[in-house]
């Protein structure tokens, strides 16, 4: 997030950056980097997918998705245990 970058570099303070971007300070402090948010959401799937690929290296996306559902009862959006 650009706002975090300019604050970290000391170019402006949190109050000023929040006014400039018209965001609440609460949003600034609680917003997560999209990459880390995705990593948290799908961290439970990574080892499962890795195991399926290790066992079946020729599998593509459709077969991996099917194997996830058959072996673990999960699919992409239902990744939470």
Protein backbone atom coordinates (compact mmCIF):
# COMPACT_ATOMS: atom_id res chain seq x y z
CA UNK A 1 0.00 0.00 0.00
CA UNK A 2 1.44 3.33 -1.05
CA UNK A 3 0.25 5.07 2.12
CA UNK A 4 2.29 2.73 4.31
CA UNK A 5 5.33 3.24 2.12
CA UNK A 6 5.36 7.03 2.42
CA UNK A 7 4.81 6.87 6.19
CA UNK A 8 7.57 4.29 6.60
CA UNK A 9 9.96 6.47 4.61
CA UNK A 10 9.13 9.36 6.92
CA UNK A 11 7.86 11.59 4.13
CA UNK A 12 4.56 12.27 5.89
CA UNK A 13 2.81 11.25 9.09
CA UNK A 14 -0.12 8.91 9.51
CA UNK A 15 -2.62 11.72 10.08
CA UNK A 16 -1.61 13.54 6.92
CA UNK A 17 -1.57 10.44 4.72
CA UNK A 18 -5.03 9.47 5.98
CA UNK A 19 -6.37 12.93 5.13
CA UNK A 20 -4.71 12.89 1.70
CA UNK A 21 -6.08 9.47 0.78
CA UNK A 22 -9.38 10.11 2.56
CA UNK A 23 -9.15 6.96 4.64
CA UNK A 24 -9.83 6.47 8.32
CA UNK A 25 -6.87 5.87 10.61
CA UNK A 26 -8.54 2.63 11.61
CA UNK A 27 -8.46 1.54 7.97
CA UNK A 28 -4.79 2.48 7.73
CA UNK A 29 -3.83 0.47 10.79
CA UNK A 30 -5.99 -2.58 10.10
CA UNK A 31 -5.63 -2.90 6.34
CA UNK A 32 -3.42 -5.80 5.33
CA UNK A 33 -1.20 -6.17 2.36
CA UNK A 34 -3.22 -8.16 -0.25
CA UNK A 35 -0.40 -10.64 -0.66
CA UNK A 36 -0.21 -11.48 3.03
CA UNK A 37 -4.00 -11.70 3.22
CA UNK A 38 -4.04 -14.28 0.43
CA UNK A 39 -1.20 -16.20 2.04
CA UNK A 40 -3.15 -16.42 5.29
CA UNK A 41 -6.32 -17.48 3.53
CA UNK A 42 -4.71 -20.26 1.53
CA UNK A 43 -1.86 -21.39 3.80
CA UNK A 44 -3.79 -24.54 4.73
CA UNK A 45 -4.16 -25.47 1.06
CA UNK A 46 -0.50 -25.15 0.07
CA UNK A 47 0.72 -28.39 1.69
CA UNK A 48 -2.32 -30.29 0.43
CA UNK A 49 -1.77 -29.10 -3.14
CA UNK A 50 1.97 -29.82 -2.88
CA UNK A 51 1.21 -33.40 -1.77
CA UNK A 52 -1.20 -33.97 -4.65
CA UNK A 53 1.32 -32.60 -7.16
CA UNK A 54 4.12 -34.69 -5.64
CA UNK A 55 2.00 -37.84 -5.94
CA UNK A 56 0.63 -36.93 -9.38
CA UNK A 57 2.99 -34.56 -11.24
CA UNK A 58 0.97 -34.75 -14.45
CA UNK A 59 -2.17 -33.34 -12.83
CA UNK A 60 -3.39 -29.98 -14.04
CA UNK A 61 -5.73 -27.52 -12.36
CA UNK A 62 -8.98 -29.51 -12.88
CA UNK A 63 -7.55 -32.76 -11.51
CA UNK A 64 -5.88 -31.00 -8.57
CA UNK A 65 -9.18 -29.34 -7.68
CA UNK A 66 -11.01 -32.67 -7.92
CA UNK A 67 -8.36 -34.42 -5.80
CA UNK A 68 -8.60 -31.68 -3.16
CA UNK A 69 -12.31 -32.20 -2.89
CA UNK A 70 -12.08 -36.01 -2.85
CA UNK A 71 -9.15 -36.32 -0.43
CA UNK A 72 -9.72 -33.38 1.89
CA UNK A 73 -13.27 -32.24 1.28
CA UNK A 74 -12.03 -28.79 0.30
CA UNK A 75 -12.14 -26.69 -2.79
CA UNK A 76 -10.71 -23.19 -3.44
CA UNK A 77 -13.33 -21.10 -1.67
CA UNK A 78 -13.97 -23.68 1.04
CA UNK A 79 -10.38 -23.79 2.19
CA UNK A 80 -11.05 -23.18 5.86
CA UNK A 81 -11.11 -26.34 7.99
